[in-house]
mmCIF file of all heavy atoms, coordinates in Angstrom:
data_MODEL
# 
_entry.id   MODEL 
# 
loop_
_atom_site.group_PDB 
_atom_site.id 
_atom_site.type_symbol 
_atom_site.label_atom_id 
_atom_site.label_alt_id 
_atom_site.label_comp_id 
_atom_site.label_asym_id 
_atom_site.label_entity_id 
_atom_site.label_seq_id 
_atom_site.pdbx_PDB_ins_code 
_atom_site.Cartn_x 
_atom_site.Cartn_y 
_atom_site.Cartn_z 
_atom_site.occupancy 
_atom_site.B_iso_or_equiv 
_atom_site.pdbx_formal_charge 
_atom_site.auth_seq_id 
_atom_site.auth_comp_id 
_atom_site.auth_asym_id 
_atom_site.auth_atom_id 
_atom_site.pdbx_PDB_model_num 
ATOM 1   N N   . GLY A 1 1  ? -2.613  5.862   -0.117  1.00 0.00 ? 1  GLY A N   1 
ATOM 2   C CA  . GLY A 1 1  ? -2.214  6.623   -1.309  1.00 0.00 ? 1  GLY A CA  1 
ATOM 3   C C   . GLY A 1 1  ? -2.426  8.087   -1.179  1.00 0.00 ? 1  GLY A C   1 
ATOM 4   O O   . GLY A 1 1  ? -1.762  8.936   -1.767  1.00 0.00 ? 1  GLY A O   1 
ATOM 5   N N   . CYS A 1 2  ? -3.480  8.487   -0.425  1.00 0.00 ? 2  CYS A N   1 
ATOM 6   C CA  . CYS A 1 2  ? -3.861  9.870   -0.267  1.00 0.00 ? 2  CYS A CA  1 
ATOM 7   C C   . CYS A 1 2  ? -4.023  10.636  -1.578  1.00 0.00 ? 2  CYS A C   1 
ATOM 8   O O   . CYS A 1 2  ? -3.516  11.761  -1.785  1.00 0.00 ? 2  CYS A O   1 
ATOM 9   C CB  . CYS A 1 2  ? -2.889  10.630  0.643   1.00 0.00 ? 2  CYS A CB  1 
ATOM 10  S SG  . CYS A 1 2  ? -2.894  10.030  2.306   1.00 0.00 ? 2  CYS A SG  1 
ATOM 11  N N   . THR A 1 3  ? -4.520  9.955   -2.569  1.00 0.00 ? 3  THR A N   1 
ATOM 12  C CA  . THR A 1 3  ? -4.703  10.556  -3.926  1.00 0.00 ? 3  THR A CA  1 
ATOM 13  C C   . THR A 1 3  ? -5.859  9.822   -4.627  1.00 0.00 ? 3  THR A C   1 
ATOM 14  O O   . THR A 1 3  ? -6.450  8.951   -4.060  1.00 0.00 ? 3  THR A O   1 
ATOM 15  C CB  . THR A 1 3  ? -3.342  10.447  -4.716  1.00 0.00 ? 3  THR A CB  1 
ATOM 16  O OG1 . THR A 1 3  ? -3.490  11.224  -5.912  1.00 0.00 ? 3  THR A OG1 1 
ATOM 17  C CG2 . THR A 1 3  ? -2.996  9.008   -5.022  1.00 0.00 ? 3  THR A CG2 1 
ATOM 18  N N   . LYS A 1 4  ? -6.080  10.231  -5.846  1.00 0.00 ? 4  LYS A N   1 
ATOM 19  C CA  . LYS A 1 4  ? -7.143  9.578   -6.651  1.00 0.00 ? 4  LYS A CA  1 
ATOM 20  C C   . LYS A 1 4  ? -6.782  8.094   -6.849  1.00 0.00 ? 4  LYS A C   1 
ATOM 21  O O   . LYS A 1 4  ? -5.581  7.782   -6.997  1.00 0.00 ? 4  LYS A O   1 
ATOM 22  C CB  . LYS A 1 4  ? -7.277  10.287  -8.010  1.00 0.00 ? 4  LYS A CB  1 
ATOM 23  C CG  . LYS A 1 4  ? -7.852  11.672  -7.944  1.00 0.00 ? 4  LYS A CG  1 
ATOM 24  C CD  . LYS A 1 4  ? -7.997  12.234  -9.294  1.00 0.00 ? 4  LYS A CD  1 
ATOM 25  C CE  . LYS A 1 4  ? -7.179  13.534  -9.333  1.00 0.00 ? 4  LYS A CE  1 
ATOM 26  N NZ  . LYS A 1 4  ? -6.938  14.000  -10.682 1.00 0.00 ? 4  LYS A NZ  1 
ATOM 27  N N   . LEU A 1 5  ? -7.753  7.263   -6.906  1.00 0.00 ? 5  LEU A N   1 
ATOM 28  C CA  . LEU A 1 5  ? -7.527  5.819   -6.987  1.00 0.00 ? 5  LEU A CA  1 
ATOM 29  C C   . LEU A 1 5  ? -6.671  5.497   -8.224  1.00 0.00 ? 5  LEU A C   1 
ATOM 30  O O   . LEU A 1 5  ? -5.788  4.638   -8.116  1.00 0.00 ? 5  LEU A O   1 
ATOM 31  C CB  . LEU A 1 5  ? -8.904  5.086   -7.062  1.00 0.00 ? 5  LEU A CB  1 
ATOM 32  C CG  . LEU A 1 5  ? -8.933  3.677   -6.521  1.00 0.00 ? 5  LEU A CG  1 
ATOM 33  C CD1 . LEU A 1 5  ? -8.315  3.522   -5.201  1.00 0.00 ? 5  LEU A CD1 1 
ATOM 34  C CD2 . LEU A 1 5  ? -10.369 3.146   -6.544  1.00 0.00 ? 5  LEU A CD2 1 
ATOM 35  N N   . ASP A 1 6  ? -6.861  6.195   -9.307  1.00 0.00 ? 6  ASP A N   1 
ATOM 36  C CA  . ASP A 1 6  ? -6.105  5.865   -10.550 1.00 0.00 ? 6  ASP A CA  1 
ATOM 37  C C   . ASP A 1 6  ? -4.616  6.197   -10.414 1.00 0.00 ? 6  ASP A C   1 
ATOM 38  O O   . ASP A 1 6  ? -3.818  5.683   -11.140 1.00 0.00 ? 6  ASP A O   1 
ATOM 39  C CB  . ASP A 1 6  ? -6.733  6.647   -11.747 1.00 0.00 ? 6  ASP A CB  1 
ATOM 40  C CG  . ASP A 1 6  ? -8.113  6.142   -12.091 1.00 0.00 ? 6  ASP A CG  1 
ATOM 41  O OD1 . ASP A 1 6  ? -8.471  5.053   -11.690 1.00 0.00 ? 6  ASP A OD1 1 
ATOM 42  O OD2 . ASP A 1 6  ? -8.821  6.843   -12.831 1.00 0.00 ? 6  ASP A OD2 1 
ATOM 43  N N   . ASP A 1 7  ? -4.329  7.111   -9.477  1.00 0.00 ? 7  ASP A N   1 
ATOM 44  C CA  . ASP A 1 7  ? -2.913  7.622   -9.318  1.00 0.00 ? 7  ASP A CA  1 
ATOM 45  C C   . ASP A 1 7  ? -2.120  6.802   -8.270  1.00 0.00 ? 7  ASP A C   1 
ATOM 46  O O   . ASP A 1 7  ? -0.961  7.082   -8.089  1.00 0.00 ? 7  ASP A O   1 
ATOM 47  C CB  . ASP A 1 7  ? -2.932  9.082   -8.918  1.00 0.00 ? 7  ASP A CB  1 
ATOM 48  C CG  . ASP A 1 7  ? -3.487  9.968   -10.034 1.00 0.00 ? 7  ASP A CG  1 
ATOM 49  O OD1 . ASP A 1 7  ? -3.495  9.509   -11.172 1.00 0.00 ? 7  ASP A OD1 1 
ATOM 50  O OD2 . ASP A 1 7  ? -3.835  11.084  -9.697  1.00 0.00 ? 7  ASP A OD2 1 
ATOM 51  N N   . ILE A 1 8  ? -2.737  5.792   -7.651  1.00 0.00 ? 8  ILE A N   1 
ATOM 52  C CA  . ILE A 1 8  ? -2.080  5.056   -6.592  1.00 0.00 ? 8  ILE A CA  1 
ATOM 53  C C   . ILE A 1 8  ? -1.116  4.034   -7.225  1.00 0.00 ? 8  ILE A C   1 
ATOM 54  O O   . ILE A 1 8  ? -1.541  3.225   -8.047  1.00 0.00 ? 8  ILE A O   1 
ATOM 55  C CB  . ILE A 1 8  ? -3.079  4.382   -5.666  1.00 0.00 ? 8  ILE A CB  1 
ATOM 56  C CG1 . ILE A 1 8  ? -3.874  5.459   -4.873  1.00 0.00 ? 8  ILE A CG1 1 
ATOM 57  C CG2 . ILE A 1 8  ? -2.387  3.446   -4.694  1.00 0.00 ? 8  ILE A CG2 1 
ATOM 58  C CD1 . ILE A 1 8  ? -5.020  4.951   -4.057  1.00 0.00 ? 8  ILE A CD1 1 
ATOM 59  N N   . ASP A 1 9  ? 0.137   4.064   -6.764  1.00 0.00 ? 9  ASP A N   1 
ATOM 60  C CA  . ASP A 1 9  ? 1.130   3.091   -7.221  1.00 0.00 ? 9  ASP A CA  1 
ATOM 61  C C   . ASP A 1 9  ? 0.988   1.892   -6.252  1.00 0.00 ? 9  ASP A C   1 
ATOM 62  O O   . ASP A 1 9  ? 1.485   1.930   -5.159  1.00 0.00 ? 9  ASP A O   1 
ATOM 63  C CB  . ASP A 1 9  ? 2.534   3.708   -7.108  1.00 0.00 ? 9  ASP A CB  1 
ATOM 64  C CG  . ASP A 1 9  ? 3.631   2.774   -7.548  1.00 0.00 ? 9  ASP A CG  1 
ATOM 65  O OD1 . ASP A 1 9  ? 3.401   1.544   -7.606  1.00 0.00 ? 9  ASP A OD1 1 
ATOM 66  O OD2 . ASP A 1 9  ? 4.713   3.298   -7.820  1.00 0.00 ? 9  ASP A OD2 1 
ATOM 67  N N   . GLU A 1 10 ? 0.305   0.854   -6.705  1.00 0.00 ? 10 GLU A N   1 
ATOM 68  C CA  . GLU A 1 10 ? -0.009  -0.279  -5.880  1.00 0.00 ? 10 GLU A CA  1 
ATOM 69  C C   . GLU A 1 10 ? 1.276   -1.054  -5.384  1.00 0.00 ? 10 GLU A C   1 
ATOM 70  O O   . GLU A 1 10 ? 1.292   -1.521  -4.211  1.00 0.00 ? 10 GLU A O   1 
ATOM 71  C CB  . GLU A 1 10 ? -0.944  -1.212  -6.587  1.00 0.00 ? 10 GLU A CB  1 
ATOM 72  C CG  . GLU A 1 10 ? -2.334  -0.635  -6.678  1.00 0.00 ? 10 GLU A CG  1 
ATOM 73  C CD  . GLU A 1 10 ? -3.364  -1.659  -7.223  1.00 0.00 ? 10 GLU A CD  1 
ATOM 74  O OE1 . GLU A 1 10 ? -3.143  -2.805  -7.213  1.00 0.00 ? 10 GLU A OE1 1 
ATOM 75  O OE2 . GLU A 1 10 ? -4.448  -1.154  -7.677  1.00 0.00 ? 10 GLU A OE2 1 
ATOM 76  N N   . SER A 1 11 ? 2.302   -1.145  -6.194  1.00 0.00 ? 11 SER A N   1 
ATOM 77  C CA  . SER A 1 11 ? 3.488   -1.831  -5.734  1.00 0.00 ? 11 SER A CA  1 
ATOM 78  C C   . SER A 1 11 ? 4.102   -1.054  -4.592  1.00 0.00 ? 11 SER A C   1 
ATOM 79  O O   . SER A 1 11 ? 4.590   -1.627  -3.623  1.00 0.00 ? 11 SER A O   1 
ATOM 80  C CB  . SER A 1 11 ? 4.427   -2.033  -6.870  1.00 0.00 ? 11 SER A CB  1 
ATOM 81  O OG  . SER A 1 11 ? 4.924   -0.826  -7.383  1.00 0.00 ? 11 SER A OG  1 
ATOM 82  N N   . ARG A 1 12 ? 4.098   0.275   -4.711  1.00 0.00 ? 12 ARG A N   1 
ATOM 83  C CA  . ARG A 1 12 ? 4.604   1.112   -3.606  1.00 0.00 ? 12 ARG A CA  1 
ATOM 84  C C   . ARG A 1 12 ? 3.772   0.979   -2.352  1.00 0.00 ? 12 ARG A C   1 
ATOM 85  O O   . ARG A 1 12 ? 4.252   0.973   -1.234  1.00 0.00 ? 12 ARG A O   1 
ATOM 86  C CB  . ARG A 1 12 ? 4.649   2.597   -4.039  1.00 0.00 ? 12 ARG A CB  1 
ATOM 87  C CG  . ARG A 1 12 ? 5.929   3.209   -3.883  1.00 0.00 ? 12 ARG A CG  1 
ATOM 88  C CD  . ARG A 1 12 ? 5.971   4.627   -4.491  1.00 0.00 ? 12 ARG A CD  1 
ATOM 89  N NE  . ARG A 1 12 ? 6.324   5.538   -3.401  1.00 0.00 ? 12 ARG A NE  1 
ATOM 90  C CZ  . ARG A 1 12 ? 6.185   6.759   -3.387  1.00 0.00 ? 12 ARG A CZ  1 
ATOM 91  N NH1 . ARG A 1 12 ? 5.630   7.378   -4.435  1.00 0.00 ? 12 ARG A NH1 1 
ATOM 92  N NH2 . ARG A 1 12 ? 6.544   7.513   -2.385  1.00 0.00 ? 12 ARG A NH2 1 
ATOM 93  N N   . MET A 1 13 ? 2.414   0.882   -2.557  1.00 0.00 ? 13 MET A N   1 
ATOM 94  C CA  . MET A 1 13 ? 1.443   0.761   -1.413  1.00 0.00 ? 13 MET A CA  1 
ATOM 95  C C   . MET A 1 13 ? 1.789   -0.533  -0.717  1.00 0.00 ? 13 MET A C   1 
ATOM 96  O O   . MET A 1 13 ? 1.928   -0.574  0.571   1.00 0.00 ? 13 MET A O   1 
ATOM 97  C CB  . MET A 1 13 ? 0.060   0.731   -1.964  1.00 0.00 ? 13 MET A CB  1 
ATOM 98  C CG  . MET A 1 13 ? -1.003  0.584   -0.827  1.00 0.00 ? 13 MET A CG  1 
ATOM 99  S SD  . MET A 1 13 ? -2.648  0.217   -1.465  1.00 0.00 ? 13 MET A SD  1 
ATOM 100 C CE  . MET A 1 13 ? -2.480  -1.484  -1.900  1.00 0.00 ? 13 MET A CE  1 
ATOM 101 N N   . TRP A 1 14 ? 1.921   -1.666  -1.439  1.00 0.00 ? 14 TRP A N   1 
ATOM 102 C CA  . TRP A 1 14 ? 2.145   -2.974  -0.813  1.00 0.00 ? 14 TRP A CA  1 
ATOM 103 C C   . TRP A 1 14 ? 3.564   -2.981  -0.163  1.00 0.00 ? 14 TRP A C   1 
ATOM 104 O O   . TRP A 1 14 ? 3.682   -3.551  0.914   1.00 0.00 ? 14 TRP A O   1 
ATOM 105 C CB  . TRP A 1 14 ? 2.000   -4.069  -1.827  1.00 0.00 ? 14 TRP A CB  1 
ATOM 106 C CG  . TRP A 1 14 ? 0.574   -4.374  -2.065  1.00 0.00 ? 14 TRP A CG  1 
ATOM 107 C CD1 . TRP A 1 14 ? -0.170  -4.034  -3.211  1.00 0.00 ? 14 TRP A CD1 1 
ATOM 108 C CD2 . TRP A 1 14 ? -0.353  -4.894  -1.168  1.00 0.00 ? 14 TRP A CD2 1 
ATOM 109 N NE1 . TRP A 1 14 ? -1.471  -4.365  -3.048  1.00 0.00 ? 14 TRP A NE1 1 
ATOM 110 C CE2 . TRP A 1 14 ? -1.637  -4.922  -1.771  1.00 0.00 ? 14 TRP A CE2 1 
ATOM 111 C CE3 . TRP A 1 14 ? -0.303  -5.453  0.112   1.00 0.00 ? 14 TRP A CE3 1 
ATOM 112 C CZ2 . TRP A 1 14 ? -2.832  -5.423  -1.221  1.00 0.00 ? 14 TRP A CZ2 1 
ATOM 113 C CZ3 . TRP A 1 14 ? -1.465  -5.940  0.704   1.00 0.00 ? 14 TRP A CZ3 1 
ATOM 114 C CH2 . TRP A 1 14 ? -2.696  -5.892  0.040   1.00 0.00 ? 14 TRP A CH2 1 
ATOM 115 N N   . ASP A 1 15 ? 4.495   -2.324  -0.772  1.00 0.00 ? 15 ASP A N   1 
ATOM 116 C CA  . ASP A 1 15 ? 5.832   -2.219  -0.151  1.00 0.00 ? 15 ASP A CA  1 
ATOM 117 C C   . ASP A 1 15 ? 5.768   -1.498  1.134   1.00 0.00 ? 15 ASP A C   1 
ATOM 118 O O   . ASP A 1 15 ? 6.362   -1.900  2.173   1.00 0.00 ? 15 ASP A O   1 
ATOM 119 C CB  . ASP A 1 15 ? 6.799   -1.538  -1.132  1.00 0.00 ? 15 ASP A CB  1 
ATOM 120 C CG  . ASP A 1 15 ? 8.247   -1.470  -0.614  1.00 0.00 ? 15 ASP A CG  1 
ATOM 121 O OD1 . ASP A 1 15 ? 8.760   -2.552  -0.219  1.00 0.00 ? 15 ASP A OD1 1 
ATOM 122 O OD2 . ASP A 1 15 ? 8.806   -0.385  -0.564  1.00 0.00 ? 15 ASP A OD2 1 
ATOM 123 N N   . SER A 1 16 ? 5.039   -0.370  1.205   1.00 0.00 ? 16 SER A N   1 
ATOM 124 C CA  . SER A 1 16 ? 4.824   0.410   2.408   1.00 0.00 ? 16 SER A CA  1 
ATOM 125 C C   . SER A 1 16 ? 4.133   -0.441  3.496   1.00 0.00 ? 16 SER A C   1 
ATOM 126 O O   . SER A 1 16 ? 4.499   -0.367  4.698   1.00 0.00 ? 16 SER A O   1 
ATOM 127 C CB  . SER A 1 16 ? 4.012   1.636   2.161   1.00 0.00 ? 16 SER A CB  1 
ATOM 128 O OG  . SER A 1 16 ? 4.675   2.477   1.263   1.00 0.00 ? 16 SER A OG  1 
ATOM 129 N N   . LEU A 1 17 ? 3.103   -1.165  3.120   1.00 0.00 ? 17 LEU A N   1 
ATOM 130 C CA  . LEU A 1 17 ? 2.410   -2.024  4.030   1.00 0.00 ? 17 LEU A CA  1 
ATOM 131 C C   . LEU A 1 17 ? 3.324   -3.085  4.648   1.00 0.00 ? 17 LEU A C   1 
ATOM 132 O O   . LEU A 1 17 ? 3.283   -3.368  5.860   1.00 0.00 ? 17 LEU A O   1 
ATOM 133 C CB  . LEU A 1 17 ? 1.168   -2.694  3.402   1.00 0.00 ? 17 LEU A CB  1 
ATOM 134 C CG  . LEU A 1 17 ? -0.049  -1.814  3.216   1.00 0.00 ? 17 LEU A CG  1 
ATOM 135 C CD1 . LEU A 1 17 ? -1.093  -2.529  2.294   1.00 0.00 ? 17 LEU A CD1 1 
ATOM 136 C CD2 . LEU A 1 17 ? -0.691  -1.493  4.602   1.00 0.00 ? 17 LEU A CD2 1 
ATOM 137 N N   . GLU A 1 18 ? 4.159   -3.649  3.810   1.00 0.00 ? 18 GLU A N   1 
ATOM 138 C CA  . GLU A 1 18 ? 5.060   -4.679  4.272   1.00 0.00 ? 18 GLU A CA  1 
ATOM 139 C C   . GLU A 1 18 ? 6.117   -4.119  5.215   1.00 0.00 ? 18 GLU A C   1 
ATOM 140 O O   . GLU A 1 18 ? 6.362   -4.673  6.224   1.00 0.00 ? 18 GLU A O   1 
ATOM 141 C CB  . GLU A 1 18 ? 5.817   -5.325  3.056   1.00 0.00 ? 18 GLU A CB  1 
ATOM 142 C CG  . GLU A 1 18 ? 6.586   -6.609  3.429   1.00 0.00 ? 18 GLU A CG  1 
ATOM 143 C CD  . GLU A 1 18 ? 6.978   -7.402  2.190   1.00 0.00 ? 18 GLU A CD  1 
ATOM 144 O OE1 . GLU A 1 18 ? 6.606   -7.016  1.043   1.00 0.00 ? 18 GLU A OE1 1 
ATOM 145 O OE2 . GLU A 1 18 ? 7.596   -8.427  2.405   1.00 0.00 ? 18 GLU A OE2 1 
ATOM 146 N N   . LYS A 1 19 ? 6.693   -2.914  4.877   1.00 0.00 ? 19 LYS A N   1 
ATOM 147 C CA  . LYS A 1 19 ? 7.640   -2.299  5.740   1.00 0.00 ? 19 LYS A CA  1 
ATOM 148 C C   . LYS A 1 19 ? 7.057   -1.894  7.090   1.00 0.00 ? 19 LYS A C   1 
ATOM 149 O O   . LYS A 1 19 ? 7.778   -1.893  8.065   1.00 0.00 ? 19 LYS A O   1 
ATOM 150 C CB  . LYS A 1 19 ? 8.222   -1.085  5.022   1.00 0.00 ? 19 LYS A CB  1 
ATOM 151 C CG  . LYS A 1 19 ? 9.221   -1.398  3.897   1.00 0.00 ? 19 LYS A CG  1 
ATOM 152 C CD  . LYS A 1 19 ? 9.723   -0.140  3.205   1.00 0.00 ? 19 LYS A CD  1 
ATOM 153 C CE  . LYS A 1 19 ? 10.667  -0.553  2.121   1.00 0.00 ? 19 LYS A CE  1 
ATOM 154 N NZ  . LYS A 1 19 ? 11.053  0.634   1.320   1.00 0.00 ? 19 LYS A NZ  1 
ATOM 155 N N   . ALA A 1 20 ? 5.762   -1.530  7.056   1.00 0.00 ? 20 ALA A N   1 
ATOM 156 C CA  . ALA A 1 20 ? 5.106   -1.183  8.304   1.00 0.00 ? 20 ALA A CA  1 
ATOM 157 C C   . ALA A 1 20 ? 4.617   -2.405  9.129   1.00 0.00 ? 20 ALA A C   1 
ATOM 158 O O   . ALA A 1 20 ? 4.133   -2.273  10.180  1.00 0.00 ? 20 ALA A O   1 
ATOM 159 C CB  . ALA A 1 20 ? 3.918   -0.295  8.057   1.00 0.00 ? 20 ALA A CB  1 
ATOM 160 N N   . GLY A 1 21 ? 4.765   -3.584  8.544   1.00 0.00 ? 21 GLY A N   1 
ATOM 161 C CA  . GLY A 1 21 ? 4.371   -4.771  9.181   1.00 0.00 ? 21 GLY A CA  1 
ATOM 162 C C   . GLY A 1 21 ? 2.841   -5.014  9.169   1.00 0.00 ? 21 GLY A C   1 
ATOM 163 O O   . GLY A 1 21 ? 2.292   -5.709  10.000  1.00 0.00 ? 21 GLY A O   1 
ATOM 164 N N   . LEU A 1 22 ? 2.194   -4.433  8.163   1.00 0.00 ? 22 LEU A N   1 
ATOM 165 C CA  . LEU A 1 22 ? 0.722   -4.494  8.082   1.00 0.00 ? 22 LEU A CA  1 
ATOM 166 C C   . LEU A 1 22 ? 0.200   -5.291  6.909   1.00 0.00 ? 22 LEU A C   1 
ATOM 167 O O   . LEU A 1 22 ? -1.027  -5.451  6.771   1.00 0.00 ? 22 LEU A O   1 
ATOM 168 C CB  . LEU A 1 22 ? 0.100   -3.077  8.090   1.00 0.00 ? 22 LEU A CB  1 
ATOM 169 C CG  . LEU A 1 22 ? 0.365   -2.252  9.308   1.00 0.00 ? 22 LEU A CG  1 
ATOM 170 C CD1 . LEU A 1 22 ? -0.056  -0.791  9.057   1.00 0.00 ? 22 LEU A CD1 1 
ATOM 171 C CD2 . LEU A 1 22 ? -0.418  -2.835  10.490  1.00 0.00 ? 22 LEU A CD2 1 
ATOM 172 N N   . LYS A 1 23 ? 1.069   -5.771  6.038   1.00 0.00 ? 23 LYS A N   1 
ATOM 173 C CA  . LYS A 1 23 ? 0.657   -6.445  4.805   1.00 0.00 ? 23 LYS A CA  1 
ATOM 174 C C   . LYS A 1 23 ? -0.239  -7.627  5.161   1.00 0.00 ? 23 LYS A C   1 
ATOM 175 O O   . LYS A 1 23 ? -1.347  -7.811  4.619   1.00 0.00 ? 23 LYS A O   1 
ATOM 176 C CB  . LYS A 1 23 ? 1.807   -6.866  3.983   1.00 0.00 ? 23 LYS A CB  1 
ATOM 177 C CG  . LYS A 1 23 ? 1.403   -7.492  2.676   1.00 0.00 ? 23 LYS A CG  1 
ATOM 178 C CD  . LYS A 1 23 ? 2.653   -7.871  1.833   1.00 0.00 ? 23 LYS A CD  1 
ATOM 179 C CE  . LYS A 1 23 ? 2.225   -8.562  0.558   1.00 0.00 ? 23 LYS A CE  1 
ATOM 180 N NZ  . LYS A 1 23 ? 3.357   -9.050  -0.193  1.00 0.00 ? 23 LYS A NZ  1 
ATOM 181 N N   . GLU A 1 24 ? 0.211   -8.540  6.076   1.00 0.00 ? 24 GLU A N   1 
ATOM 182 C CA  . GLU A 1 24 ? -0.527  -9.717  6.401   1.00 0.00 ? 24 GLU A CA  1 
ATOM 183 C C   . GLU A 1 24 ? -1.908  -9.392  7.005   1.00 0.00 ? 24 GLU A C   1 
ATOM 184 O O   . GLU A 1 24 ? -2.898  -10.001 6.758   1.00 0.00 ? 24 GLU A O   1 
ATOM 185 C CB  . GLU A 1 24 ? 0.202   -10.613 7.298   1.00 0.00 ? 24 GLU A CB  1 
ATOM 186 C CG  . GLU A 1 24 ? 1.432   -11.267 6.647   1.00 0.00 ? 24 GLU A CG  1 
ATOM 187 C CD  . GLU A 1 24 ? 2.226   -12.145 7.585   1.00 0.00 ? 24 GLU A CD  1 
ATOM 188 O OE1 . GLU A 1 24 ? 1.847   -12.325 8.756   1.00 0.00 ? 24 GLU A OE1 1 
ATOM 189 O OE2 . GLU A 1 24 ? 3.253   -12.624 7.125   1.00 0.00 ? 24 GLU A OE2 1 
ATOM 190 N N   . LYS A 1 25 ? -1.908  -8.312  7.837   1.00 0.00 ? 25 LYS A N   1 
ATOM 191 C CA  . LYS A 1 25 ? -3.162  -7.871  8.409   1.00 0.00 ? 25 LYS A CA  1 
ATOM 192 C C   . LYS A 1 25 ? -4.185  -7.440  7.371   1.00 0.00 ? 25 LYS A C   1 
ATOM 193 O O   . LYS A 1 25 ? -5.332  -7.842  7.377   1.00 0.00 ? 25 LYS A O   1 
ATOM 194 C CB  . LYS A 1 25 ? -2.907  -6.716  9.434   1.00 0.00 ? 25 LYS A CB  1 
ATOM 195 C CG  . LYS A 1 25 ? -4.110  -6.197  10.058  1.00 0.00 ? 25 LYS A CG  1 
ATOM 196 C CD  . LYS A 1 25 ? -4.706  -7.201  11.084  1.00 0.00 ? 25 LYS A CD  1 
ATOM 197 C CE  . LYS A 1 25 ? -5.805  -6.602  11.857  1.00 0.00 ? 25 LYS A CE  1 
ATOM 198 N NZ  . LYS A 1 25 ? -6.508  -7.583  12.623  1.00 0.00 ? 25 LYS A NZ  1 
ATOM 199 N N   . VAL A 1 26 ? -3.712  -6.644  6.426   1.00 0.00 ? 26 VAL A N   1 
ATOM 200 C CA  . VAL A 1 26 ? -4.608  -6.153  5.369   1.00 0.00 ? 26 VAL A CA  1 
ATOM 201 C C   . VAL A 1 26 ? -5.109  -7.349  4.534   1.00 0.00 ? 26 VAL A C   1 
ATOM 202 O O   . VAL A 1 26 ? -6.259  -7.406  4.132   1.00 0.00 ? 26 VAL A O   1 
ATOM 203 C CB  . VAL A 1 26 ? -3.911  -5.077  4.482   1.00 0.00 ? 26 VAL A CB  1 
ATOM 204 C CG1 . VAL A 1 26 ? -4.702  -4.755  3.225   1.00 0.00 ? 26 VAL A CG1 1 
ATOM 205 C CG2 . VAL A 1 26 ? -3.656  -3.832  5.267   1.00 0.00 ? 26 VAL A CG2 1 
ATOM 206 N N   . GLU A 1 27 ? -4.220  -8.261  4.231   1.00 0.00 ? 27 GLU A N   1 
ATOM 207 C CA  . GLU A 1 27 ? -4.580  -9.425  3.417   1.00 0.00 ? 27 GLU A CA  1 
ATOM 208 C C   . GLU A 1 27 ? -5.613  -10.304 4.156   1.00 0.00 ? 27 GLU A C   1 
ATOM 209 O O   . GLU A 1 27 ? -6.441  -11.002 3.500   1.00 0.00 ? 27 GLU A O   1 
ATOM 210 C CB  . GLU A 1 27 ? -3.361  -10.314 3.107   1.00 0.00 ? 27 GLU A CB  1 
ATOM 211 C CG  . GLU A 1 27 ? -2.414  -9.675  2.184   1.00 0.00 ? 27 GLU A CG  1 
ATOM 212 C CD  . GLU A 1 27 ? -1.095  -10.474 1.984   1.00 0.00 ? 27 GLU A CD  1 
ATOM 213 O OE1 . GLU A 1 27 ? -0.744  -11.221 2.907   1.00 0.00 ? 27 GLU A OE1 1 
ATOM 214 O OE2 . GLU A 1 27 ? -0.410  -10.253 0.992   1.00 0.00 ? 27 GLU A OE2 1 
# 
């Protein structure tokens, strides 16, 4: 997110992780 925790858009974060192929690794 590179921002304050309250400002992080989690759905965008998970979408980014999925597009990068890292979602399963993080989970």
